[in-house]
C-alpha atoms as a PDB file:
ATOM      1  CA  UNK A   1      26.913  15.691  85.959  1.00  0.00           C
ATOM      2  CA  UNK A   2      28.834  14.206  88.815  1.00  0.00           C
ATOM      3  CA  UNK A   3      27.006  11.436  90.623  1.00  0.00           C
ATOM      4  CA  UNK A   4      24.819  10.343  87.617  1.00  0.00           C
ATOM      5  CA  UNK A   5      25.180   6.726  86.480  1.00  0.00           C
ATOM      6  CA  UNK A   6      27.375   6.270  83.400  1.00  0.00           C
ATOM      7  CA  UNK A   7      25.368   5.382  80.241  1.00  0.00           C
ATOM      8  CA  UNK A   8      26.675   2.841  77.799  1.00  0.00           C
ATOM      9  CA  UNK A   9      27.130   4.063  74.241  1.00  0.00           C
ATOM     10  CA  UNK A  10      24.581   2.740  71.776  1.00  0.00           C
ATOM     11  CA  UNK A  11      27.310   2.414  69.196  1.00  0.00           C
ATOM     12  CA  UNK A  12      25.442   4.570  66.603  1.00  0.00           C
ATOM     13  CA  UNK A  13      27.876   7.033  65.112  1.00  0.00           C
ATOM     14  CA  UNK A  14      30.540   5.755  67.502  1.00  0.00           C
ATOM     15  CA  UNK A  15      33.245   3.501  66.133  1.00  0.00           C
ATOM     16  CA  UNK A  16      34.409   2.487  69.590  1.00  0.00           C
ATOM     17  CA  UNK A  17      30.905   1.405  70.589  1.00  0.00           C
ATOM     18  CA  UNK A  18      30.544  -0.559  67.373  1.00  0.00           C
ATOM     19  CA  UNK A  19      33.839  -2.329  67.979  1.00  0.00           C
ATOM     20  CA  UNK A  20      32.824  -3.213  71.513  1.00  0.00           C
ATOM     21  CA  UNK A  21      29.481  -4.579  70.374  1.00  0.00           C
ATOM     22  CA  UNK A  22      31.031  -6.583  67.545  1.00  0.00           C
ATOM     23  CA  UNK A  23      29.097  -4.703  64.806  1.00  0.00           C
ATOM     24  CA  UNK A  24      30.820  -4.476  61.381  1.00  0.00           C
ATOM     25  CA  UNK A  25      31.969  -1.049  60.133  1.00  0.00           C
ATOM     26  CA  UNK A  26      29.583   0.777  57.784  1.00  0.00           C
ATOM     27  CA  UNK A  27      29.832  -0.005  54.052  1.00  0.00           C
ATOM     28  CA  UNK A  28      28.318   1.502  50.898  1.00  0.00           C
ATOM     29  CA  UNK A  29      25.329  -0.486  49.702  1.00  0.00           C
ATOM     30  CA  UNK A  30      25.692  -2.051  46.265  1.00  0.00           C
ATOM     31  CA  UNK A  31      23.440  -0.461  43.638  1.00  0.00           C
ATOM     32  CA  UNK A  32      23.225  -2.707  40.554  1.00  0.00           C
ATOM     33  CA  UNK A  33      21.782   0.134  38.458  1.00  0.00           C
ATOM     34  CA  UNK A  34      24.701   2.413  39.294  1.00  0.00           C
ATOM     35  CA  UNK A  35      27.164  -0.347  38.486  1.00  0.00           C
ATOM     36  CA  UNK A  36      25.407  -1.033  35.165  1.00  0.00           C
ATOM     37  CA  UNK A  37      25.733   2.641  34.239  1.00  0.00           C
ATOM     38  CA  UNK A  38      29.422   2.571  35.099  1.00  0.00           C
ATOM     39  CA  UNK A  39      29.956  -0.456  32.887  1.00  0.00           C
ATOM     40  CA  UNK A  40      28.117   1.171  29.971  1.00  0.00           C
ATOM     41  CA  UNK A  41      30.216   4.312  30.325  1.00  0.00           C
ATOM     42  CA  UNK A  42      33.500   2.387  30.025  1.00  0.00           C
ATOM     43  CA  UNK A  43      33.885   2.686  26.264  1.00  0.00           C
ATOM     44  CA  UNK A  44      37.286   3.701  24.903  1.00  0.00           C
ATOM     45  CA  UNK A  45      37.510   6.894  22.852  1.00  0.00           C
ATOM     46  CA  UNK A  46      40.160   7.775  20.252  1.00  0.00           C
ATOM     47  CA  UNK A  47      42.270  10.758  21.249  1.00  0.00           C
ATOM     48  CA  UNK A  48      41.337  12.711  18.132  1.00  0.00           C
ATOM     49  CA  UNK A  49      37.647  12.941  19.133  1.00  0.00           C
ATOM     50  CA  UNK A  50      37.056  16.450  20.465  1.00  0.00           C
ATOM     51  CA  UNK A  51      34.092  17.726  22.473  1.00  0.00           C
ATOM     52  CA  UNK A  52      33.869  20.923  20.416  1.00  0.00           C
ATOM     53  CA  UNK A  53      32.921  18.861  17.359  1.00  0.00           C
ATOM     54  CA  UNK A  54      29.445  18.520  18.829  1.00  0.00           C
ATOM     55  CA  UNK A  55      26.990  21.070  17.505  1.00  0.00           C
ATOM     56  CA  UNK A  56      26.340  24.193  19.566  1.00  0.00           C
ATOM     57  CA  UNK A  57      22.730  23.453  20.510  1.00  0.00           C
ATOM     58  CA  UNK A  58      23.604  20.025  21.900  1.00  0.00           C
ATOM     59  CA  UNK A  59      26.617  21.433  23.791  1.00  0.00           C
ATOM     60  CA  UNK A  60      24.321  24.025  25.336  1.00  0.00           C
ATOM     61  CA  UNK A  61      22.171  21.259  26.809  1.00  0.00           C
ATOM     62  CA  UNK A  62      25.252  19.693  28.410  1.00  0.00           C
ATOM     63  CA  UNK A  63      25.974  22.814  30.491  1.00  0.00           C
ATOM     64  CA  UNK A  64      23.986  21.314  33.363  1.00  0.00           C
ATOM     65  CA  UNK A  65      26.890  18.860  33.814  1.00  0.00           C
ATOM     66  CA  UNK A  66      30.375  19.405  35.183  1.00  0.00           C
ATOM     67  CA  UNK A  67      32.841  20.421  32.469  1.00  0.00           C
ATOM     68  CA  UNK A  68      34.712  17.102  32.532  1.00  0.00           C
ATOM     69  CA  UNK A  69      31.511  15.084  32.304  1.00  0.00           C
ATOM     70  CA  UNK A  70      30.074  17.348  29.611  1.00  0.00           C
ATOM     71  CA  UNK A  71      33.225  16.973  27.511  1.00  0.00           C
ATOM     72  CA  UNK A  72      33.204  13.185  27.889  1.00  0.00           C
ATOM     73  CA  UNK A  73      29.519  12.959  26.938  1.00  0.00           C
ATOM     74  CA  UNK A  74      30.111  15.230  23.950  1.00  0.00           C
ATOM     75  CA  UNK A  75      33.000  13.061  22.736  1.00  0.00           C
ATOM     76  CA  UNK A  76      30.868   9.917  22.955  1.00  0.00           C
ATOM     77  CA  UNK A  77      28.110  11.599  20.951  1.00  0.00           C
ATOM     78  CA  UNK A  78      30.581  12.790  18.327  1.00  0.00           C
ATOM     79  CA  UNK A  79      32.001   9.270  18.039  1.00  0.00           C
ATOM     80  CA  UNK A  80      28.498   7.847  17.688  1.00  0.00           C
ATOM     81  CA  UNK A  81      27.907  10.260  14.825  1.00  0.00           C
ATOM     82  CA  UNK A  82      31.138   9.169  13.121  1.00  0.00           C
ATOM     83  CA  UNK A  83      30.328   5.470  13.334  1.00  0.00           C
ATOM     84  CA  UNK A  84      26.589   5.297  12.790  1.00  0.00           C
ATOM     85  CA  UNK A  85      26.746   4.812   8.998  1.00  0.00           C
ATOM     86  CA  UNK A  86      29.311   2.021   8.822  1.00  0.00           C
ATOM     87  CA  UNK A  87      29.363   0.544  12.330  1.00  0.00           C
ATOM     88  CA  UNK A  88      25.979   1.152  13.967  1.00  0.00           C
ATOM     89  CA  UNK A  89      26.615  -1.376  16.756  1.00  0.00           C
ATOM     90  CA  UNK A  90      29.809   0.417  17.764  1.00  0.00           C
ATOM     91  CA  UNK A  91      27.992   3.739  17.515  1.00  0.00           C
ATOM     92  CA  UNK A  92      25.338   2.321  19.819  1.00  0.00           C
ATOM     93  CA  UNK A  93      27.948   1.547  22.489  1.00  0.00           C
ATOM     94  CA  UNK A  94      29.053   5.196  22.488  1.00  0.00           C
ATOM     95  CA  UNK A  95      25.507   6.530  22.548  1.00  0.00           C
ATOM     96  CA  UNK A  96      24.703   4.254  25.490  1.00  0.00           C
ATOM     97  CA  UNK A  97      27.831   5.487  27.262  1.00  0.00           C
ATOM     98  CA  UNK A  98      26.621   9.064  26.815  1.00  0.00           C
ATOM     99  CA  UNK A  99      23.270   8.138  28.338  1.00  0.00           C
ATOM    100  CA  UNK A 100      24.964   6.410  31.281  1.00  0.00           C
ATOM    101  CA  UNK A 101      26.732   9.697  32.035  1.00  0.00           C
ATOM    102  CA  UNK A 102      23.913  12.135  31.221  1.00  0.00           C
ATOM    103  CA  UNK A 103      20.571  10.382  31.042  1.00  0.00           C
ATOM    104  CA  UNK A 104      18.568  13.519  31.821  1.00  0.00           C
ATOM    105  CA  UNK A 105      19.801  15.521  28.833  1.00  0.00           C
ATOM    106  CA  UNK A 106      17.395  15.627  25.896  1.00  0.00           C
ATOM    107  CA  UNK A 107      20.070  15.685  23.172  1.00  0.00           C
ATOM    108  CA  UNK A 108      21.676  12.582  24.676  1.00  0.00           C
ATOM    109  CA  UNK A 109      18.419  10.600  24.695  1.00  0.00           C
ATOM    110  CA  UNK A 110      17.634  11.825  21.165  1.00  0.00           C
ATOM    111  CA  UNK A 111      21.058  10.759  19.930  1.00  0.00           C
ATOM    112  CA  UNK A 112      20.743   7.315  21.497  1.00  0.00           C
ATOM    113  CA  UNK A 113      17.253   6.912  20.037  1.00  0.00           C
ATOM    114  CA  UNK A 114      18.449   7.660  16.516  1.00  0.00           C
ATOM    115  CA  UNK A 115      21.492   5.410  16.805  1.00  0.00           C
ATOM    116  CA  UNK A 116      19.356   2.572  18.179  1.00  0.00           C
ATOM    117  CA  UNK A 117      16.992   3.067  15.232  1.00  0.00           C
ATOM    118  CA  UNK A 118      19.884   2.881  12.772  1.00  0.00           C
ATOM    119  CA  UNK A 119      21.091  -0.288  14.517  1.00  0.00           C
ATOM    120  CA  UNK A 120      17.686  -1.948  14.314  1.00  0.00           C
ATOM    121  CA  UNK A 121      16.983  -1.783  18.049  1.00  0.00           C
ATOM    122  CA  UNK A 122      13.396  -0.668  17.577  1.00  0.00           C
ATOM    123  CA  UNK A 123      12.132  -0.954  21.159  1.00  0.00           C
ATOM    124  CA  UNK A 124      15.130   0.908  22.558  1.00  0.00           C
ATOM    125  CA  UNK A 125      14.852   3.587  19.883  1.00  0.00           C
ATOM    126  CA  UNK A 126      11.178   4.128  20.641  1.00  0.00           C
ATOM    127  CA  UNK A 127      11.792   4.325  24.389  1.00  0.00           C
ATOM    128  CA  UNK A 128      14.648   6.796  24.016  1.00  0.00           C
ATOM    129  CA  UNK A 129      12.845   9.067  21.563  1.00  0.00           C
ATOM    130  CA  UNK A 130       9.832   9.149  23.852  1.00  0.00           C
ATOM    131  CA  UNK A 131      12.126  10.142  26.711  1.00  0.00           C
ATOM    132  CA  UNK A 132      13.751  12.849  24.594  1.00  0.00           C
ATOM    133  CA  UNK A 133      10.345  14.244  23.761  1.00  0.00           C
ATOM    134  CA  UNK A 134       9.324  14.317  27.421  1.00  0.00           C
ATOM    135  CA  UNK A 135      12.487  16.279  28.216  1.00  0.00           C
ATOM    136  CA  UNK A 136      12.475  18.703  25.280  1.00  0.00           C
ATOM    137  CA  UNK A 137       8.805  18.864  24.310  1.00  0.00           C
ATOM    138  CA  UNK A 138       9.780  18.638  20.637  1.00  0.00           C
ATOM    139  CA  UNK A 139       7.878  16.352  18.197  1.00  0.00           C
ATOM    140  CA  UNK A 140      10.656  16.189  15.569  1.00  0.00           C
ATOM    141  CA  UNK A 141      10.956  12.391  15.485  1.00  0.00           C
ATOM    142  CA  UNK A 142       7.326  11.315  15.262  1.00  0.00           C
ATOM    143  CA  UNK A 143       8.041   9.607  11.933  1.00  0.00           C
ATOM    144  CA  UNK A 144      10.872   7.561  13.443  1.00  0.00           C
ATOM    145  CA  UNK A 145       8.688   6.639  16.413  1.00  0.00           C
ATOM    146  CA  UNK A 146       5.870   5.546  14.103  1.00  0.00           C
ATOM    147  CA  UNK A 147       8.282   3.483  12.019  1.00  0.00           C
ATOM    148  CA  UNK A 148       9.548   1.775  15.182  1.00  0.00           C
ATOM    149  CA  UNK A 149       5.963   0.765  15.912  1.00  0.00           C
ATOM    150  CA  UNK A 150       5.748  -0.711  12.409  1.00  0.00           C
ATOM    151  CA  UNK A 151       9.026  -2.566  12.848  1.00  0.00           C
ATOM    152  CA  UNK A 152       7.727  -3.984  16.139  1.00  0.00           C
ATOM    153  CA  UNK A 153       4.689  -5.352  14.288  1.00  0.00           C
ATOM    154  CA  UNK A 154       2.247  -2.712  15.533  1.00  0.00           C
ATOM    155  CA  UNK A 155       1.051  -0.773  12.459  1.00  0.00           C
ATOM    156  CA  UNK A 156      -2.126   0.290  14.265  1.00  0.00           C
ATOM    157  CA  UNK A 157       0.002   2.116  16.837  1.00  0.00           C
ATOM    158  CA  UNK A 158       1.994   3.726  14.023  1.00  0.00           C
ATOM    159  CA  UNK A 159      -1.252   5.251  12.761  1.00  0.00           C
ATOM    160  CA  UNK A 160      -1.979   6.575  16.256  1.00  0.00           C
ATOM    161  CA  UNK A 161       1.408   8.323  16.319  1.00  0.00           C
ATOM    162  CA  UNK A 162       0.424  10.072  13.075  1.00  0.00           C
ATOM    163  CA  UNK A 163      -2.636  11.503  14.823  1.00  0.00           C
ATOM    164  CA  UNK A 164      -0.487  13.365  17.355  1.00  0.00           C
ATOM    165  CA  UNK A 165      -1.746  16.957  17.753  1.00  0.00           C
ATOM    166  CA  UNK A 166       1.785  18.304  17.258  1.00  0.00           C
ATOM    167  CA  UNK A 167       2.137  16.938  13.728  1.00  0.00           C
ATOM    168  CA  UNK A 168       1.388  20.455  12.487  1.00  0.00           C
ATOM    169  CA  UNK A 169       4.660  21.629  14.067  1.00  0.00           C
ATOM    170  CA  UNK A 170       6.773  19.314  11.922  1.00  0.00           C
ATOM    171  CA  UNK A 171       8.823  20.763   9.105  1.00  0.00           C
ATOM    172  CA  UNK A 172       7.968  19.620   5.541  1.00  0.00           C
ATOM    173  CA  UNK A 173      10.644  16.924   5.437  1.00  0.00           C
ATOM    174  CA  UNK A 174       9.504  15.365   8.709  1.00  0.00           C
ATOM    175  CA  UNK A 175       5.864  15.451   7.602  1.00  0.00           C
ATOM    176  CA  UNK A 176       6.708  13.717   4.327  1.00  0.00           C
ATOM    177  CA  UNK A 177       8.593  11.017   6.249  1.00  0.00           C
ATOM    178  CA  UNK A 178       5.538  10.557   8.466  1.00  0.00           C
ATOM    179  CA  UNK A 179       3.306  10.232   5.375  1.00  0.00           C
ATOM    180  CA  UNK A 180       5.602   7.507   4.064  1.00  0.00           C
ATOM    181  CA  UNK A 181       5.394   5.614   7.358  1.00  0.00           C
ATOM    182  CA  UNK A 182       1.598   5.972   7.452  1.00  0.00           C
ATOM    183  CA  UNK A 183       1.369   4.584   3.934  1.00  0.00           C
ATOM    184  CA  UNK A 184       3.532   1.638   4.950  1.00  0.00           C
ATOM    185  CA  UNK A 185       1.368   1.016   8.014  1.00  0.00           C
ATOM    186  CA  UNK A 186      -1.741   0.977   5.812  1.00  0.00           C
ATOM    187  CA  UNK A 187      -0.030  -1.595   3.636  1.00  0.00           C
ATOM    188  CA  UNK A 188       0.888  -3.671   6.683  1.00  0.00           C
ATOM    189  CA  UNK A 189      -2.795  -3.734   7.606  1.00  0.00           C
ATOM    190  CA  UNK A 190      -3.752  -4.981   4.128  1.00  0.00           C
ATOM    191  CA  UNK A 191      -5.153  -1.619   3.053  1.00  0.00           C
ATOM    192  CA  UNK A 192      -3.306  -1.386  -0.262  1.00  0.00           C
ATOM    193  CA  UNK A 193      -5.475   1.300  -1.880  1.00  0.00           C
ATOM    194  CA  UNK A 194      -5.422   3.418   1.279  1.00  0.00           C
ATOM    195  CA  UNK A 195      -1.630   3.181   1.220  1.00  0.00           C
ATOM    196  CA  UNK A 196      -1.643   4.610  -2.318  1.00  0.00           C
ATOM    197  CA  UNK A 197      -4.113   7.378  -1.490  1.00  0.00           C
ATOM    198  CA  UNK A 198      -2.084   8.448   1.544  1.00  0.00           C
ATOM    199  CA  UNK A 199       0.784   9.523  -0.712  1.00  0.00           C
ATOM    200  CA  UNK A 200      -1.264  11.324  -3.366  1.00  0.00           C
ATOM    201  CA  UNK A 201      -0.142  14.771  -2.267  1.00  0.00           C
ATOM    202  CA  UNK A 202       0.818  17.636  -4.554  1.00  0.00           C
ATOM    203  CA  UNK A 203       4.422  17.420  -3.304  1.00  0.00           C
ATOM    204  CA  UNK A 204       4.619  14.122  -5.192  1.00  0.00           C
ATOM    205  CA  UNK A 205       4.486  15.801  -8.595  1.00  0.00           C
ATOM    206  CA  UNK A 206       5.940  19.240  -7.928  1.00  0.00           C
ATOM    207  CA  UNK A 207       8.601  20.562 -10.328  1.00  0.00           C
ATOM    208  CA  UNK A 208      10.724  21.613  -7.348  1.00  0.00           C
ATOM    209  CA  UNK A 209      12.922  18.749  -6.168  1.00  0.00           C
ATOM    210  CA  UNK A 210      13.444  18.670  -2.419  1.00  0.00           C
ATOM    211  CA  UNK A 211      15.757  16.380  -0.414  1.00  0.00           C
ATOM    212  CA  UNK A 212      12.795  14.113   0.318  1.00  0.00           C
ATOM    213  CA  UNK A 213      11.202  14.031  -3.176  1.00  0.00           C
ATOM    214  CA  UNK A 214      12.928  10.833  -4.302  1.00  0.00           C
ATOM    215  CA  UNK A 215      11.865   9.002  -1.140  1.00  0.00           C
ATOM    216  CA  UNK A 216       8.266  10.149  -1.561  1.00  0.00           C
ATOM    217  CA  UNK A 217       8.131   9.008  -5.189  1.00  0.00           C
ATOM    218  CA  UNK A 218       9.788   5.706  -4.329  1.00  0.00           C
ATOM    219  CA  UNK A 219       7.290   5.053  -1.532  1.00  0.00           C
ATOM    220  CA  UNK A 220       4.403   5.885  -3.872  1.00  0.00           C
ATOM    221  CA  UNK A 221       5.750   3.500  -6.505  1.00  0.00           C
ATOM    222  CA  UNK A 222       6.113   0.758  -3.890  1.00  0.00           C
ATOM    223  CA  UNK A 223       2.515   1.328  -2.754  1.00  0.00           C
ATOM    224  CA  UNK A 224       1.299   1.091  -6.359  1.00  0.00           C
ATOM    225  CA  UNK A 225       3.226  -2.135  -6.852  1.00  0.00           C
ATOM    226  CA  UNK A 226       1.718  -3.616  -3.674  1.00  0.00           C
ATOM    227  CA  UNK A 227      -1.738  -2.599  -4.999  1.00  0.00           C
ATOM    228  CA  UNK A 228      -1.070  -4.663  -8.153  1.00  0.00           C
ATOM    229  CA  UNK A 229      -0.572  -1.672 -10.440  1.00  0.00           C
ATOM    230  CA  UNK A 230       2.859  -2.517 -11.912  1.00  0.00           C
ATOM    231  CA  UNK A 231       2.759  -0.192 -14.925  1.00  0.00           C
ATOM    232  CA  UNK A 232       2.076   2.876 -12.789  1.00  0.00           C
ATOM    233  CA  UNK A 233       4.628   1.647 -10.278  1.00  0.00           C
ATOM    234  CA  UNK A 234       7.259   1.432 -13.001  1.00  0.00           C
ATOM    235  CA  UNK A 235       6.549   5.018 -14.026  1.00  0.00           C
ATOM    236  CA  UNK A 236       7.053   6.316 -10.487  1.00  0.00           C
ATOM    237  CA  UNK A 237      10.137   4.197  -9.810  1.00  0.00           C
ATOM    238  CA  UNK A 238      11.597   5.785 -12.954  1.00  0.00           C
ATOM    239  CA  UNK A 239      10.697   9.278 -11.747  1.00  0.00           C
ATOM    240  CA  UNK A 240      12.310   8.542  -8.386  1.00  0.00           C
ATOM    241  CA  UNK A 241      15.465   7.129  -9.966  1.00  0.00           C
ATOM    242  CA  UNK A 242      15.989  10.132 -12.243  1.00  0.00           C
ATOM    243  CA  UNK A 243      16.344  12.459  -9.216  1.00  0.00           C
ATOM    244  CA  UNK A 244      18.284   9.995  -7.071  1.00  0.00           C
ATOM    245  CA  UNK A 245      21.785   9.794  -8.546  1.00  0.00           C
ATOM    246  CA  UNK A 246      23.301   8.846  -5.176  1.00  0.00           C
ATOM    247  CA  UNK A 247      21.058   5.796  -4.855  1.00  0.00           C
ATOM    248  CA  UNK A 248      19.421   6.771  -1.560  1.00  0.00           C
ATOM    249  CA  UNK A 249      16.466   4.644  -2.656  1.00  0.00           C
ATOM    250  CA  UNK A 250      16.524   1.369  -4.590  1.00  0.00           C
ATOM    251  CA  UNK A 251      14.347   2.798  -7.363  1.00  0.00           C
ATOM    252  CA  UNK A 252      16.848   1.879 -10.082  1.00  0.00           C
ATOM    253  CA  UNK A 253      17.015  -1.721  -8.851  1.00  0.00           C
ATOM    254  CA  UNK A 254      13.226  -1.898  -8.743  1.00  0.00           C
ATOM    255  CA  UNK A 255      13.077  -0.797 -12.359  1.00  0.00           C
ATOM    256  CA  UNK A 256      15.457  -3.604 -13.350  1.00  0.00           C
ATOM    257  CA  UNK A 257      13.368  -6.150 -11.467  1.00  0.00           C
ATOM    258  CA  UNK A 258      10.170  -4.949 -13.147  1.00  0.00           C
ATOM    259  CA  UNK A 259      11.979  -5.445 -16.452  1.00  0.00           C
ATOM    260  CA  UNK A 260      12.810  -9.017 -15.471  1.00  0.00           C
ATOM    261  CA  UNK A 261      16.361  -8.499 -14.220  1.00  0.00           C
ATOM    262  CA  UNK A 262      16.535  -9.906 -10.674  1.00  0.00           C
ATOM    263  CA  UNK A 263      19.284  -8.678  -8.363  1.00  0.00           C
ATOM    264  CA  UNK A 264      20.437 -10.486  -5.245  1.00  0.00           C
ATOM    265  CA  UNK A 265      19.638  -8.430  -2.160  1.00  0.00           C
ATOM    266  CA  UNK A 266      21.392  -8.447   1.184  1.00  0.00           C
ATOM    267  CA  UNK A 267      19.243  -9.712   4.048  1.00  0.00           C
ATOM    268  CA  UNK A 268      19.913  -6.481   5.937  1.00  0.00           C
ATOM    269  CA  UNK A 269      18.625  -4.206   3.161  1.00  0.00           C
ATOM    270  CA  UNK A 270      15.412  -3.270   4.961  1.00  0.00           C
ATOM    271  CA  UNK A 271      17.266  -2.305   8.115  1.00  0.00           C
ATOM    272  CA  UNK A 272      19.807  -0.359   6.036  1.00  0.00           C
ATOM    273  CA  UNK A 273      17.001   1.649   4.443  1.00  0.00           C
ATOM    274  CA  UNK A 274      15.612   2.608   7.830  1.00  0.00           C
ATOM    275  CA  UNK A 275      19.085   3.356   9.140  1.00  0.00           C
ATOM    276  CA  UNK A 276      20.047   5.770   6.355  1.00  0.00           C
ATOM    277  CA  UNK A 277      17.533   8.422   7.366  1.00  0.00           C
ATOM    278  CA  UNK A 278      18.409   8.092  11.031  1.00  0.00           C
ATOM    279  CA  UNK A 279      22.130   8.312  10.309  1.00  0.00           C
ATOM    280  CA  UNK A 280      21.689  11.450   8.216  1.00  0.00           C
ATOM    281  CA  UNK A 281      19.641  13.174  10.909  1.00  0.00           C
ATOM    282  CA  UNK A 282      22.069  12.094  13.625  1.00  0.00           C
ATOM    283  CA  UNK A 283      24.997  13.613  11.749  1.00  0.00           C
ATOM    284  CA  UNK A 284      23.096  16.879  11.472  1.00  0.00           C
ATOM    285  CA  UNK A 285      22.436  16.938  15.209  1.00  0.00           C
ATOM    286  CA  UNK A 286      25.764  15.702  16.516  1.00  0.00           C
ATOM    287  CA  UNK A 287      28.269  17.008  14.016  1.00  0.00           C
ATOM    288  CA  UNK A 288      26.712  20.400  13.337  1.00  0.00           C
ATOM    289  CA  UNK A 289      26.016  19.706   9.666  1.00  0.00           C
ATOM    290  CA  UNK A 290      23.586  22.083   7.956  1.00  0.00           C
ATOM    291  CA  UNK A 291      20.003  20.887   7.964  1.00  0.00           C
ATOM    292  CA  UNK A 292      18.749  20.153   4.466  1.00  0.00           C
ATOM    293  CA  UNK A 293      15.083  20.668   5.333  1.00  0.00           C
ATOM    294  CA  UNK A 294      13.433  23.661   3.685  1.00  0.00           C
ATOM    295  CA  UNK A 295      11.162  24.945   6.434  1.00  0.00           C
ATOM    296  CA  UNK A 296       9.801  27.667   4.170  1.00  0.00           C
ATOM    297  CA  UNK A 297       8.525  25.220   1.576  1.00  0.00           C
ATOM    298  CA  UNK A 298       4.766  24.725   1.996  1.00  0.00           C
ATOM    299  CA  UNK A 299       3.552  21.191   2.509  1.00  0.00           C
ATOM    300  CA  UNK A 300       0.340  20.612   0.598  1.00  0.00           C
ATOM    301  CA  UNK A 301      -2.754  19.822   2.550  1.00  0.00           C
ATOM    302  CA  UNK A 302      -3.824  16.264   2.384  1.00  0.00           C
ATOM    303  CA  UNK A 303      -5.511  14.570  -0.092  1.00  0.00           C
ATOM    304  CA  UNK A 304      -3.161  15.883   0.173  1.00  0.00           C
ATOM    305  CA  UNK A 305      -5.073  13.679   2.601  1.00  0.00           C
ATOM    306  CA  UNK A 306      -2.968  12.093   5.085  1.00  0.00           C
ATOM    307  CA  UNK A 307      -1.843  14.261   7.883  1.00  0.00           C
END
């Protein structure tokens, strides 16, 4: 209005006022967490890795992302699945890149958790699998989580994982894996006989051979050996070896050692054993391979006593 005194600009939202006052132009604030995510996401991908190689269920979860981001995340997960057996550290870089791009997607956190487990990064694996469970509500990887607790030197916490109320939702294969971990945790705590009793389930001696039967028999033999029962241990190592032609377990080597033939073992053998199961499951999830678990097969009740 004419006649009113002219007010000086405060400079807020006014470049001219800012220039007159000597204030610097606005800049984006540096976010170290954002920059860390960007760095993790900068992992080169071979051109032959295609997003549609990821299994349908995982791709469905990526639909909350833009198409370009979803495709890039899918390619990183596929590459992680390709590498996890032979190059788990390289696989881990791709799984971390996927998380940097899509950290709120359950399949991404699950994939990273399994790759970290295969790579021997127990704390990271446990954290990621817990996050995946919070997102999806699924208890599928309780056995892996319990084994991470064991690897971190916390067998008592591994036993607590086995008491989860959702154990009953696990398929037979996952429940057997959890039994094996529980037995190992009992052994870690010096409870050798309890470790043996944990695995005395009817699935141990069933005529039907399932994908997990050799691992169950091998774990039982190992528990017997730790309980100073070598003759019984030898019997069960033999029964594991006869149904394990691919050498998933080291039952055949254990038999040789019990017969006095000592083999040199790689220092990374224990981590390799843990990694094999994680790698197999990761391939199923990420590459769309058929799941070998027989959900229709009844799991005997414990004393069958453990879960």
